PDB file of N, CA and C in Angstrom:
ATOM      1  N   UNK A   1      78.392 -68.271  53.964  1.00  0.00           N
ATOM      2  CA  UNK A   1      77.204 -68.232  54.802  1.00  0.00           C
ATOM      3  C   UNK A   1      77.338 -67.094  55.813  1.00  0.00           C
ATOM      4  N   UNK A   2      76.315 -66.286  55.883  1.00  0.00           N
ATOM      5  CA  UNK A   2      76.314 -65.181  56.840  1.00  0.00           C
ATOM      6  C   UNK A   2      75.964 -65.703  58.229  1.00  0.00           C
ATOM      7  N   UNK A   3      76.688 -65.228  59.214  1.00  0.00           N
ATOM      8  CA  UNK A   3      76.450 -65.651  60.598  1.00  0.00           C
ATOM      9  C   UNK A   3      76.077 -64.445  61.449  1.00  0.00           C
ATOM     10  N   UNK A   4      75.306 -64.732  62.466  1.00  0.00           N
ATOM     11  CA  UNK A   4      74.941 -63.679  63.418  1.00  0.00           C
ATOM     12  C   UNK A   4      76.137 -63.313  64.284  1.00  0.00           C
ATOM     13  N   UNK A   5      76.271 -62.038  64.619  1.00  0.00           N
ATOM     14  CA  UNK A   5      77.291 -61.663  65.599  1.00  0.00           C
ATOM     15  C   UNK A   5      76.871 -62.183  66.980  1.00  0.00           C
ATOM     16  N   UNK A   6      77.796 -62.250  67.894  1.00  0.00           N
ATOM     17  CA  UNK A   6      77.487 -62.695  69.256  1.00  0.00           C
ATOM     18  C   UNK A   6      76.611 -61.669  69.963  1.00  0.00           C
ATOM     19  N   UNK A   7      75.683 -62.161  70.775  1.00  0.00           N
ATOM     20  CA  UNK A   7      74.824 -61.287  71.571  1.00  0.00           C
ATOM     21  C   UNK A   7      74.283 -62.085  72.746  1.00  0.00           C
ATOM     22  N   UNK A   8      73.809 -61.369  73.742  1.00  0.00           N
ATOM     23  CA  UNK A   8      73.151 -61.994  74.895  1.00  0.00           C
ATOM     24  C   UNK A   8      71.649 -61.847  74.692  1.00  0.00           C
ATOM     25  N   UNK A   9      70.905 -62.925  74.934  1.00  0.00           N
ATOM     26  CA  UNK A   9      69.464 -62.961  74.692  1.00  0.00           C
ATOM     27  C   UNK A   9      68.719 -62.910  76.021  1.00  0.00           C
ATOM     28  N   UNK A  10      67.834 -61.924  76.171  1.00  0.00           N
ATOM     29  CA  UNK A  10      67.055 -61.748  77.403  1.00  0.00           C
ATOM     30  C   UNK A  10      65.589 -62.064  77.103  1.00  0.00           C
ATOM     31  N   UNK A  11      64.930 -62.796  78.013  1.00  0.00           N
ATOM     32  CA  UNK A  11      63.515 -63.148  77.840  1.00  0.00           C
ATOM     33  C   UNK A  11      62.699 -62.645  79.028  1.00  0.00           C
ATOM     34  N   UNK A  12      62.375 -61.365  79.049  1.00  0.00           N
ATOM     35  CA  UNK A  12      61.577 -60.838  80.154  1.00  0.00           C
ATOM     36  C   UNK A  12      60.148 -61.374  80.099  1.00  0.00           C
ATOM     37  N   UNK A  13      59.498 -61.368  81.259  1.00  0.00           N
ATOM     38  CA  UNK A  13      58.117 -61.840  81.353  1.00  0.00           C
ATOM     39  C   UNK A  13      57.099 -60.712  81.283  1.00  0.00           C
ATOM     40  N   UNK A  14      57.539 -59.476  81.515  1.00  0.00           N
ATOM     41  CA  UNK A  14      56.618 -58.339  81.545  1.00  0.00           C
ATOM     42  C   UNK A  14      57.210 -57.162  80.776  1.00  0.00           C
ATOM     43  N   UNK A  15      56.346 -56.223  80.437  1.00  0.00           N
ATOM     44  CA  UNK A  15      56.791 -54.996  79.773  1.00  0.00           C
ATOM     45  C   UNK A  15      57.728 -54.222  80.693  1.00  0.00           C
ATOM     46  N   UNK A  16      57.398 -54.162  81.968  1.00  0.00           N
ATOM     47  CA  UNK A  16      58.243 -53.441  82.932  1.00  0.00           C
ATOM     48  C   UNK A  16      59.651 -54.026  82.941  1.00  0.00           C
ATOM     49  N   UNK A  17      59.749 -55.344  82.960  1.00  0.00           N
ATOM     50  CA  UNK A  17      61.057 -55.997  82.950  1.00  0.00           C
ATOM     51  C   UNK A  17      61.802 -55.719  81.638  1.00  0.00           C
ATOM     52  N   UNK A  18      61.093 -55.746  80.509  1.00  0.00           N
ATOM     53  CA  UNK A  18      61.723 -55.464  79.210  1.00  0.00           C
ATOM     54  C   UNK A  18      62.263 -54.041  79.160  1.00  0.00           C
ATOM     55  N   UNK A  19      61.469 -53.092  79.623  1.00  0.00           N
ATOM     56  CA  UNK A  19      61.905 -51.689  79.641  1.00  0.00           C
ATOM     57  C   UNK A  19      63.121 -51.524  80.544  1.00  0.00           C
ATOM     58  N   UNK A  20      63.129 -52.221  81.661  1.00  0.00           N
ATOM     59  CA  UNK A  20      64.259 -52.156  82.582  1.00  0.00           C
ATOM     60  C   UNK A  20      65.542 -52.672  81.918  1.00  0.00           C
ATOM     61  N   UNK A  21      65.442 -53.797  81.235  1.00  0.00           N
ATOM     62  CA  UNK A  21      66.617 -54.365  80.558  1.00  0.00           C
ATOM     63  C   UNK A  21      67.092 -53.431  79.451  1.00  0.00           C
ATOM     64  N   UNK A  22      66.164 -52.925  78.655  1.00  0.00           N
ATOM     65  CA  UNK A  22      66.536 -51.994  77.584  1.00  0.00           C
ATOM     66  C   UNK A  22      67.188 -50.741  78.154  1.00  0.00           C
ATOM     67  N   UNK A  23      66.662 -50.254  79.274  1.00  0.00           N
ATOM     68  CA  UNK A  23      67.246 -49.080  79.922  1.00  0.00           C
ATOM     69  C   UNK A  23      68.629 -49.355  80.479  1.00  0.00           C
ATOM     70  N   UNK A  24      68.801 -50.535  81.046  1.00  0.00           N
ATOM     71  CA  UNK A  24      70.091 -50.905  81.636  1.00  0.00           C
ATOM     72  C   UNK A  24      71.202 -50.966  80.588  1.00  0.00           C
ATOM     73  N   UNK A  25      70.896 -51.516  79.425  1.00  0.00           N
ATOM     74  CA  UNK A  25      71.926 -51.701  78.401  1.00  0.00           C
ATOM     75  C   UNK A  25      71.939 -50.605  77.336  1.00  0.00           C
ATOM     76  N   UNK A  26      70.949 -49.726  77.367  1.00  0.00           N
ATOM     77  CA  UNK A  26      70.939 -48.571  76.474  1.00  0.00           C
ATOM     78  C   UNK A  26      71.079 -48.925  75.005  1.00  0.00           C
ATOM     79  N   UNK A  27      71.965 -48.214  74.318  1.00  0.00           N
ATOM     80  CA  UNK A  27      72.111 -48.379  72.875  1.00  0.00           C
ATOM     81  C   UNK A  27      72.720 -49.717  72.467  1.00  0.00           C
ATOM     82  N   UNK A  28      73.238 -50.474  73.421  1.00  0.00           N
ATOM     83  CA  UNK A  28      73.799 -51.786  73.078  1.00  0.00           C
ATOM     84  C   UNK A  28      72.727 -52.879  73.090  1.00  0.00           C
ATOM     85  N   UNK A  29      71.462 -52.490  73.337  1.00  0.00           N
ATOM     86  CA  UNK A  29      70.357 -53.452  73.363  1.00  0.00           C
ATOM     87  C   UNK A  29      69.308 -53.092  72.320  1.00  0.00           C
ATOM     88  N   UNK A  30      68.662 -54.120  71.780  1.00  0.00           N
ATOM     89  CA  UNK A  30      67.561 -53.917  70.843  1.00  0.00           C
ATOM     90  C   UNK A  30      66.437 -54.886  71.186  1.00  0.00           C
ATOM     91  N   UNK A  31      65.184 -54.425  71.040  1.00  0.00           N
ATOM     92  CA  UNK A  31      64.063 -55.342  71.222  1.00  0.00           C
ATOM     93  C   UNK A  31      63.899 -56.209  69.977  1.00  0.00           C
ATOM     94  N   UNK A  32      63.408 -57.427  70.169  1.00  0.00           N
ATOM     95  CA  UNK A  32      63.119 -58.320  69.049  1.00  0.00           C
ATOM     96  C   UNK A  32      61.838 -59.079  69.365  1.00  0.00           C
ATOM     97  N   UNK A  33      61.012 -59.257  68.345  1.00  0.00           N
ATOM     98  CA  UNK A  33      59.807 -60.055  68.517  1.00  0.00           C
ATOM     99  C   UNK A  33      59.811 -61.142  67.453  1.00  0.00           C
ATOM    100  N   UNK A  34      59.367 -60.819  66.250  1.00  0.00           N
ATOM    101  CA  UNK A  34      59.408 -61.809  65.173  1.00  0.00           C
ATOM    102  C   UNK A  34      60.797 -61.971  64.589  1.00  0.00           C
ATOM    103  N   UNK A  35      61.557 -60.884  64.552  1.00  0.00           N
ATOM    104  CA  UNK A  35      62.929 -60.924  64.060  1.00  0.00           C
ATOM    105  C   UNK A  35      63.069 -61.032  62.556  1.00  0.00           C
ATOM    106  N   UNK A  36      61.960 -60.905  61.819  1.00  0.00           N
ATOM    107  CA  UNK A  36      62.018 -61.102  60.374  1.00  0.00           C
ATOM    108  C   UNK A  36      62.827 -60.030  59.658  1.00  0.00           C
ATOM    109  N   UNK A  37      62.981 -58.870  60.243  1.00  0.00           N
ATOM    110  CA  UNK A  37      63.798 -57.803  59.668  1.00  0.00           C
ATOM    111  C   UNK A  37      65.131 -57.689  60.403  1.00  0.00           C
ATOM    112  N   UNK A  38      65.087 -57.733  61.725  1.00  0.00           N
ATOM    113  CA  UNK A  38      66.284 -57.525  62.534  1.00  0.00           C
ATOM    114  C   UNK A  38      67.350 -58.597  62.300  1.00  0.00           C
ATOM    115  N   UNK A  39      66.969 -59.855  62.316  1.00  0.00           N
ATOM    116  CA  UNK A  39      67.953 -60.939  62.222  1.00  0.00           C
ATOM    117  C   UNK A  39      68.725 -60.901  60.894  1.00  0.00           C
ATOM    118  N   UNK A  40      68.054 -60.771  59.738  1.00  0.00           N
ATOM    119  CA  UNK A  40      68.833 -60.649  58.497  1.00  0.00           C
ATOM    120  C   UNK A  40      69.748 -59.419  58.498  1.00  0.00           C
ATOM    121  N   UNK A  41      69.280 -58.314  59.055  1.00  0.00           N
ATOM    122  CA  UNK A  41      70.116 -57.113  59.126  1.00  0.00           C
ATOM    123  C   UNK A  41      71.313 -57.314  60.050  1.00  0.00           C
ATOM    124  N   UNK A  42      71.138 -58.094  61.101  1.00  0.00           N
ATOM    125  CA  UNK A  42      72.270 -58.411  61.976  1.00  0.00           C
ATOM    126  C   UNK A  42      73.292 -59.278  61.236  1.00  0.00           C
ATOM    127  N   UNK A  43      72.821 -60.211  60.427  1.00  0.00           N
ATOM    128  CA  UNK A  43      73.736 -61.056  59.656  1.00  0.00           C
ATOM    129  C   UNK A  43      74.586 -60.220  58.700  1.00  0.00           C
ATOM    130  N   UNK A  44      74.003 -59.154  58.179  1.00  0.00           N
ATOM    131  CA  UNK A  44      74.724 -58.250  57.274  1.00  0.00           C
ATOM    132  C   UNK A  44      75.470 -57.153  58.029  1.00  0.00           C
ATOM    133  N   UNK A  45      75.445 -57.245  59.354  1.00  0.00           N
ATOM    134  CA  UNK A  45      76.148 -56.304  60.243  1.00  0.00           C
ATOM    135  C   UNK A  45      75.619 -54.872  60.136  1.00  0.00           C
ATOM    136  N   UNK A  46      74.344 -54.732  59.729  1.00  0.00           N
ATOM    137  CA  UNK A  46      73.722 -53.411  59.737  1.00  0.00           C
ATOM    138  C   UNK A  46      73.366 -53.004  61.159  1.00  0.00           C
ATOM    139  N   UNK A  47      73.090 -53.998  61.995  1.00  0.00           N
ATOM    140  CA  UNK A  47      72.871 -53.799  63.423  1.00  0.00           C
ATOM    141  C   UNK A  47      73.744 -54.823  64.146  1.00  0.00           C
ATOM    142  N   UNK A  48      74.404 -54.389  65.211  1.00  0.00           N
ATOM    143  CA  UNK A  48      75.240 -55.323  65.982  1.00  0.00           C
ATOM    144  C   UNK A  48      75.011 -55.129  67.481  1.00  0.00           C
ATOM    145  N   UNK A  49      73.771 -55.342  67.928  1.00  0.00           N
ATOM    146  CA  UNK A  49      73.502 -55.177  69.359  1.00  0.00           C
ATOM    147  C   UNK A  49      74.211 -56.250  70.179  1.00  0.00           C
ATOM    148  N   UNK A  50      74.621 -55.868  71.368  1.00  0.00           N
ATOM    149  CA  UNK A  50      75.230 -56.830  72.285  1.00  0.00           C
ATOM    150  C   UNK A  50      74.166 -57.596  73.060  1.00  0.00           C
ATOM    151  N   UNK A  51      72.958 -57.018  73.116  1.00  0.00           N
ATOM    152  CA  UNK A  51      71.850 -57.618  73.861  1.00  0.00           C
ATOM    153  C   UNK A  51      70.583 -57.556  73.014  1.00  0.00           C
ATOM    154  N   UNK A  52      69.866 -58.681  72.931  1.00  0.00           N
ATOM    155  CA  UNK A  52      68.542 -58.709  72.327  1.00  0.00           C
ATOM    156  C   UNK A  52      67.536 -58.979  73.435  1.00  0.00           C
ATOM    157  N   UNK A  53      66.457 -58.210  73.433  1.00  0.00           N
ATOM    158  CA  UNK A  53      65.417 -58.346  74.447  1.00  0.00           C
ATOM    159  C   UNK A  53      64.164 -58.875  73.751  1.00  0.00           C
ATOM    160  N   UNK A  54      63.814 -60.126  74.035  1.00  0.00           N
ATOM    161  CA  UNK A  54      62.687 -60.796  73.385  1.00  0.00           C
ATOM    162  C   UNK A  54      61.365 -60.262  73.917  1.00  0.00           C
ATOM    163  N   UNK A  55      60.495 -59.847  73.006  1.00  0.00           N
ATOM    164  CA  UNK A  55      59.192 -59.308  73.395  1.00  0.00           C
ATOM    165  C   UNK A  55      58.048 -60.274  73.104  1.00  0.00           C
ATOM    166  N   UNK A  56      58.267 -61.242  72.238  1.00  0.00           N
ATOM    167  CA  UNK A  56      57.178 -62.102  71.776  1.00  0.00           C
ATOM    168  C   UNK A  56      56.500 -62.882  72.906  1.00  0.00           C
ATOM    169  N   UNK A  57      57.233 -63.244  73.939  1.00  0.00           N
ATOM    170  CA  UNK A  57      56.664 -64.023  75.032  1.00  0.00           C
ATOM    171  C   UNK A  57      55.949 -63.206  76.094  1.00  0.00           C
ATOM    172  N   UNK A  58      55.893 -61.897  75.917  1.00  0.00           N
ATOM    173  CA  UNK A  58      55.236 -61.033  76.907  1.00  0.00           C
ATOM    174  C   UNK A  58      53.749 -60.956  76.569  1.00  0.00           C
ATOM    175  N   UNK A  59      52.929 -61.561  77.408  1.00  0.00           N
ATOM    176  CA  UNK A  59      51.494 -61.655  77.110  1.00  0.00           C
ATOM    177  C   UNK A  59      50.825 -60.289  76.992  1.00  0.00           C
ATOM    178  N   UNK A  60      51.340 -59.293  77.691  1.00  0.00           N
ATOM    179  CA  UNK A  60      50.769 -57.936  77.620  1.00  0.00           C
ATOM    180  C   UNK A  60      50.852 -57.350  76.212  1.00  0.00           C
ATOM    181  N   UNK A  61      51.765 -57.851  75.398  1.00  0.00           N
ATOM    182  CA  UNK A  61      51.979 -57.312  74.058  1.00  0.00           C
ATOM    183  C   UNK A  61      51.288 -58.126  72.972  1.00  0.00           C
ATOM    184  N   UNK A  62      50.508 -59.125  73.386  1.00  0.00           N
ATOM    185  CA  UNK A  62      49.828 -59.979  72.417  1.00  0.00           C
ATOM    186  C   UNK A  62      48.328 -59.855  72.574  1.00  0.00           C
ATOM    187  N   UNK A  63      47.637 -60.259  71.551  1.00  0.00           N
ATOM    188  CA  UNK A  63      46.189 -60.322  71.605  1.00  0.00           C
ATOM    189  C   UNK A  63      45.507 -59.245  70.783  1.00  0.00           C
ATOM    190  N   UNK A  64      44.254 -59.535  70.461  1.00  0.00           N
ATOM    191  CA  UNK A  64      43.388 -58.611  69.738  1.00  0.00           C
ATOM    192  C   UNK A  64      42.063 -58.634  70.477  1.00  0.00           C
ATOM    193  N   UNK A  65      41.630 -57.475  70.955  1.00  0.00           N
ATOM    194  CA  UNK A  65      40.374 -57.432  71.698  1.00  0.00           C
ATOM    195  C   UNK A  65      39.723 -56.063  71.548  1.00  0.00           C
ATOM    196  N   UNK A  66      38.463 -56.006  71.911  1.00  0.00           N
ATOM    197  CA  UNK A  66      37.742 -54.740  71.907  1.00  0.00           C
ATOM    198  C   UNK A  66      37.614 -54.253  73.339  1.00  0.00           C
ATOM    199  N   UNK A  67      37.986 -52.989  73.553  1.00  0.00           N
ATOM    200  CA  UNK A  67      37.898 -52.360  74.870  1.00  0.00           C
ATOM    201  C   UNK A  67      37.248 -50.994  74.725  1.00  0.00           C
ATOM    202  N   UNK A  68      36.118 -50.814  75.365  1.00  0.00           N
ATOM    203  CA  UNK A  68      35.410 -49.533  75.345  1.00  0.00           C
ATOM    204  C   UNK A  68      35.184 -49.019  73.930  1.00  0.00           C
ATOM    205  N   UNK A  69      34.831 -49.915  73.028  1.00  0.00           N
ATOM    206  CA  UNK A  69      34.562 -49.534  71.649  1.00  0.00           C
ATOM    207  C   UNK A  69      35.787 -49.410  70.764  1.00  0.00           C
ATOM    208  N   UNK A  70      36.971 -49.571  71.334  1.00  0.00           N
ATOM    209  CA  UNK A  70      38.212 -49.501  70.557  1.00  0.00           C
ATOM    210  C   UNK A  70      38.709 -50.911  70.264  1.00  0.00           C
ATOM    211  N   UNK A  71      39.375 -51.068  69.148  1.00  0.00           N
ATOM    212  CA  UNK A  71      40.019 -52.332  68.833  1.00  0.00           C
ATOM    213  C   UNK A  71      41.478 -52.210  69.239  1.00  0.00           C
ATOM    214  N   UNK A  72      41.918 -53.073  70.148  1.00  0.00           N
ATOM    215  CA  UNK A  72      43.281 -53.029  70.676  1.00  0.00           C
ATOM    216  C   UNK A  72      44.047 -54.226  70.110  1.00  0.00           C
ATOM    217  N   UNK A  73      45.156 -53.928  69.433  1.00  0.00           N
ATOM    218  CA  UNK A  73      45.995 -54.969  68.841  1.00  0.00           C
ATOM    219  C   UNK A  73      47.369 -54.874  69.477  1.00  0.00           C
ATOM    220  N   UNK A  74      47.820 -55.956  70.074  1.00  0.00           N
ATOM    221  CA  UNK A  74      49.132 -55.974  70.712  1.00  0.00           C
ATOM    222  C   UNK A  74      50.255 -55.860  69.696  1.00  0.00           C
ATOM    223  N   UNK A  75      51.305 -55.163  70.063  1.00  0.00           N
ATOM    224  CA  UNK A  75      52.438 -54.946  69.162  1.00  0.00           C
ATOM    225  C   UNK A  75      53.124 -56.246  68.766  1.00  0.00           C
ATOM    226  N   UNK A  76      53.050 -57.279  69.600  1.00  0.00           N
ATOM    227  CA  UNK A  76      53.702 -58.555  69.304  1.00  0.00           C
ATOM    228  C   UNK A  76      52.748 -59.557  68.656  1.00  0.00           C
ATOM    229  N   UNK A  77      51.598 -59.086  68.203  1.00  0.00           N
ATOM    230  CA  UNK A  77      50.642 -59.980  67.537  1.00  0.00           C
ATOM    231  C   UNK A  77      51.124 -60.264  66.119  1.00  0.00           C
ATOM    232  N   UNK A  78      50.993 -61.502  65.682  1.00  0.00           N
ATOM    233  CA  UNK A  78      51.493 -61.873  64.353  1.00  0.00           C
ATOM    234  C   UNK A  78      50.630 -61.261  63.250  1.00  0.00           C
ATOM    235  N   UNK A  79      51.264 -61.051  62.104  1.00  0.00           N
ATOM    236  CA  UNK A  79      50.548 -60.516  60.949  1.00  0.00           C
ATOM    237  C   UNK A  79      49.460 -61.480  60.498  1.00  0.00           C
ATOM    238  N   UNK A  80      49.704 -62.773  60.631  1.00  0.00           N
ATOM    239  CA  UNK A  80      48.689 -63.764  60.272  1.00  0.00           C
ATOM    240  C   UNK A  80      47.454 -63.610  61.146  1.00  0.00           C
ATOM    241  N   UNK A  81      47.651 -63.510  62.456  1.00  0.00           N
ATOM    242  CA  UNK A  81      46.512 -63.364  63.373  1.00  0.00           C
ATOM    243  C   UNK A  81      45.722 -62.102  63.061  1.00  0.00           C
ATOM    244  N   UNK A  82      46.421 -61.020  62.751  1.00  0.00           N
ATOM    245  CA  UNK A  82      45.750 -59.756  62.426  1.00  0.00           C
ATOM    246  C   UNK A  82      44.955 -59.900  61.135  1.00  0.00           C
ATOM    247  N   UNK A  83      45.535 -60.539  60.141  1.00  0.00           N
ATOM    248  CA  UNK A  83      44.863 -60.660  58.844  1.00  0.00           C
ATOM    249  C   UNK A  83      43.613 -61.530  58.910  1.00  0.00           C
ATOM    250  N   UNK A  84      43.559 -62.445  59.867  1.00  0.00           N
ATOM    251  CA  UNK A  84      42.436 -63.384  59.959  1.00  0.00           C
ATOM    252  C   UNK A  84      41.407 -63.037  61.028  1.00  0.00           C
ATOM    253  N   UNK A  85      41.722 -62.107  61.916  1.00  0.00           N
ATOM    254  CA  UNK A  85      40.824 -61.826  63.040  1.00  0.00           C
ATOM    255  C   UNK A  85      39.523 -61.176  62.546  1.00  0.00           C
ATOM    256  N   UNK A  86      38.362 -61.707  62.949  1.00  0.00           N
ATOM    257  CA  UNK A  86      37.079 -61.183  62.474  1.00  0.00           C
ATOM    258  C   UNK A  86      36.869 -59.692  62.772  1.00  0.00           C
ATOM    259  N   UNK A  87      37.251 -59.233  63.947  1.00  0.00           N
ATOM    260  CA  UNK A  87      37.051 -57.817  64.290  1.00  0.00           C
ATOM    261  C   UNK A  87      37.926 -56.904  63.445  1.00  0.00           C
ATOM    262  N   UNK A  88      39.140 -57.329  63.158  1.00  0.00           N
ATOM    263  CA  UNK A  88      40.022 -56.526  62.301  1.00  0.00           C
ATOM    264  C   UNK A  88      39.440 -56.485  60.896  1.00  0.00           C
ATOM    265  N   UNK A  89      39.001 -57.630  60.398  1.00  0.00           N
ATOM    266  CA  UNK A  89      38.439 -57.696  59.040  1.00  0.00           C
ATOM    267  C   UNK A  89      37.168 -56.862  58.921  1.00  0.00           C
ATOM    268  N   UNK A  90      36.373 -56.841  59.963  1.00  0.00           N
ATOM    269  CA  UNK A  90      35.126 -56.078  59.935  1.00  0.00           C
ATOM    270  C   UNK A  90      35.368 -54.576  60.019  1.00  0.00           C
ATOM    271  N   UNK A  91      36.239 -54.160  60.920  1.00  0.00           N
ATOM    272  CA  UNK A  91      36.413 -52.728  61.198  1.00  0.00           C
ATOM    273  C   UNK A  91      37.544 -52.070  60.424  1.00  0.00           C
ATOM    274  N   UNK A  92      38.574 -52.844  60.097  1.00  0.00           N
ATOM    275  CA  UNK A  92      39.757 -52.279  59.439  1.00  0.00           C
ATOM    276  C   UNK A  92      40.239 -53.228  58.337  1.00  0.00           C
ATOM    277  N   UNK A  93      39.406 -53.397  57.328  1.00  0.00           N
ATOM    278  CA  UNK A  93      39.709 -54.344  56.259  1.00  0.00           C
ATOM    279  C   UNK A  93      41.046 -54.042  55.581  1.00  0.00           C
ATOM    280  N   UNK A  94      41.381 -52.772  55.407  1.00  0.00           N
ATOM    281  CA  UNK A  94      42.656 -52.420  54.763  1.00  0.00           C
ATOM    282  C   UNK A  94      43.837 -52.946  55.580  1.00  0.00           C
ATOM    283  N   UNK A  95      43.748 -52.863  56.905  1.00  0.00           N
ATOM    284  CA  UNK A  95      44.807 -53.387  57.763  1.00  0.00           C
ATOM    285  C   UNK A  95      44.888 -54.906  57.638  1.00  0.00           C
ATOM    286  N   UNK A  96      43.736 -55.567  57.649  1.00  0.00           N
ATOM    287  CA  UNK A  96      43.712 -57.029  57.508  1.00  0.00           C
ATOM    288  C   UNK A  96      44.328 -57.451  56.180  1.00  0.00           C
ATOM    289  N   UNK A  97      43.977 -56.748  55.110  1.00  0.00           N
ATOM    290  CA  UNK A  97      44.520 -57.082  53.794  1.00  0.00           C
ATOM    291  C   UNK A  97      46.016 -56.802  53.719  1.00  0.00           C
ATOM    292  N   UNK A  98      46.444 -55.682  54.287  1.00  0.00           N
ATOM    293  CA  UNK A  98      47.873 -55.350  54.283  1.00  0.00           C
ATOM    294  C   UNK A  98      48.665 -56.400  55.065  1.00  0.00           C
ATOM    295  N   UNK A  99      48.170 -56.770  56.246  1.00  0.00           N
ATOM    296  CA  UNK A  99      48.862 -57.770  57.067  1.00  0.00           C
ATOM    297  C   UNK A  99      48.915 -59.116  56.350  1.00  0.00           C
ATOM    298  N   UNK A 100      47.871 -59.425  55.601  1.00  0.00           N
ATOM    299  CA  UNK A 100      47.809 -60.691  54.881  1.00  0.00           C
ATOM    300  C   UNK A 100      48.605 -60.722  53.593  1.00  0.00           C
ATOM    301  N   UNK A 101      49.107 -59.565  53.168  1.00  0.00           N
ATOM    302  CA  UNK A 101      49.838 -59.517  51.899  1.00  0.00           C
ATOM    303  C   UNK A 101      51.349 -59.397  52.077  1.00  0.00           C
ATOM    304  N   UNK A 102      51.815 -59.305  53.305  1.00  0.00           N
ATOM    305  CA  UNK A 102      53.250 -59.183  53.568  1.00  0.00           C
ATOM    306  C   UNK A 102      53.926 -60.531  53.323  1.00  0.00           C
ATOM    307  N   UNK A 103      54.936 -60.558  52.482  1.00  0.00           N
ATOM    308  CA  UNK A 103      55.775 -61.733  52.243  1.00  0.00           C
ATOM    309  C   UNK A 103      54.946 -63.008  52.074  1.00  0.00           C
ATOM    310  N   UNK A 104      55.463 -64.119  52.565  1.00  0.00           N
ATOM    311  CA  UNK A 104      54.767 -65.398  52.492  1.00  0.00           C
ATOM    312  C   UNK A 104      54.264 -65.811  53.857  1.00  0.00           C
ATOM    313  N   UNK A 105      53.535 -66.922  53.928  1.00  0.00           N
ATOM    314  CA  UNK A 105      52.940 -67.359  55.195  1.00  0.00           C
ATOM    315  C   UNK A 105      53.948 -67.532  56.329  1.00  0.00           C
ATOM    316  N   UNK A 106      55.116 -68.058  56.023  1.00  0.00           N
ATOM    317  CA  UNK A 106      56.109 -68.294  57.074  1.00  0.00           C
ATOM    318  C   UNK A 106      56.522 -66.987  57.745  1.00  0.00           C
ATOM    319  N   UNK A 107      56.764 -65.944  56.960  1.00  0.00           N
ATOM    320  CA  UNK A 107      57.136 -64.650  57.541  1.00  0.00           C
ATOM    321  C   UNK A 107      55.948 -63.976  58.213  1.00  0.00           C
ATOM    322  N   UNK A 108      54.751 -64.144  57.674  1.00  0.00           N
ATOM    323  CA  UNK A 108      53.566 -63.559  58.322  1.00  0.00           C
ATOM    324  C   UNK A 108      53.308 -64.201  59.679  1.00  0.00           C
ATOM    325  N   UNK A 109      53.628 -65.485  59.810  1.00  0.00           N
ATOM    326  CA  UNK A 109      53.444 -66.163  61.092  1.00  0.00           C
ATOM    327  C   UNK A 109      54.433 -65.662  62.137  1.00  0.00           C
ATOM    328  N   UNK A 110      55.604 -65.233  61.712  1.00  0.00           N
ATOM    329  CA  UNK A 110      56.628 -64.716  62.637  1.00  0.00           C
ATOM    330  C   UNK A 110      56.564 -63.212  62.784  1.00  0.00           C
ATOM    331  N   UNK A 111      56.333 -62.521  61.683  1.00  0.00           N
ATOM    332  CA  UNK A 111      56.326 -61.057  61.692  1.00  0.00           C
ATOM    333  C   UNK A 111      55.226 -60.506  62.576  1.00  0.00           C
ATOM    334  N   UNK A 112      55.496 -59.363  63.187  1.00  0.00           N
ATOM    335  CA  UNK A 112      54.547 -58.756  64.123  1.00  0.00           C
ATOM    336  C   UNK A 112      54.131 -57.368  63.667  1.00  0.00           C
ATOM    337  N   UNK A 113      53.038 -56.900  64.235  1.00  0.00           N
ATOM    338  CA  UNK A 113      52.564 -55.557  63.933  1.00  0.00           C
ATOM    339  C   UNK A 113      53.610 -54.527  64.330  1.00  0.00           C
ATOM    340  N   UNK A 114      54.115 -54.618  65.548  1.00  0.00           N
ATOM    341  CA  UNK A 114      55.096 -53.648  66.035  1.00  0.00           C
ATOM    342  C   UNK A 114      56.362 -53.624  65.210  1.00  0.00           C
ATOM    343  N   UNK A 115      56.780 -54.769  64.727  1.00  0.00           N
ATOM    344  CA  UNK A 115      57.995 -54.840  63.928  1.00  0.00           C
ATOM    345  C   UNK A 115      57.835 -54.319  62.521  1.00  0.00           C
ATOM    346  N   UNK A 116      56.593 -54.115  62.098  1.00  0.00           N
ATOM    347  CA  UNK A 116      56.342 -53.654  60.740  1.00  0.00           C
ATOM    348  C   UNK A 116      55.803 -52.234  60.678  1.00  0.00           C
ATOM    349  N   UNK A 117      55.897 -51.533  61.777  1.00  0.00           N
ATOM    350  CA  UNK A 117      55.465 -50.123  61.785  1.00  0.00           C
ATOM    351  C   UNK A 117      56.688 -49.249  61.655  1.00  0.00           C
TER     352      UNK A 117
END
């Protein structure tokens, strides 16, 4: 059974706080949101960060809304939410279909836009 290496987990409340933590720990820190790619790679020791900085709980990075005629999608928004959102489906059907076709439902519920770019 593959196990994760040891790391310290940080849960900032804001983007400013997340950037500060990432800056403080430099290359020994990595951001994580859904973790669908990072966590398996850590188990295989492809990445061995000493610090993980959780982004999923930062409200500034979530949501889908229209602002001044633009569609704004937060980097921590789930692939499921993107695939089902009416504005995404109306304006960017290819994105909605792509988000809805990644892996299975369980990974789409965890996976994020930012983590898949």
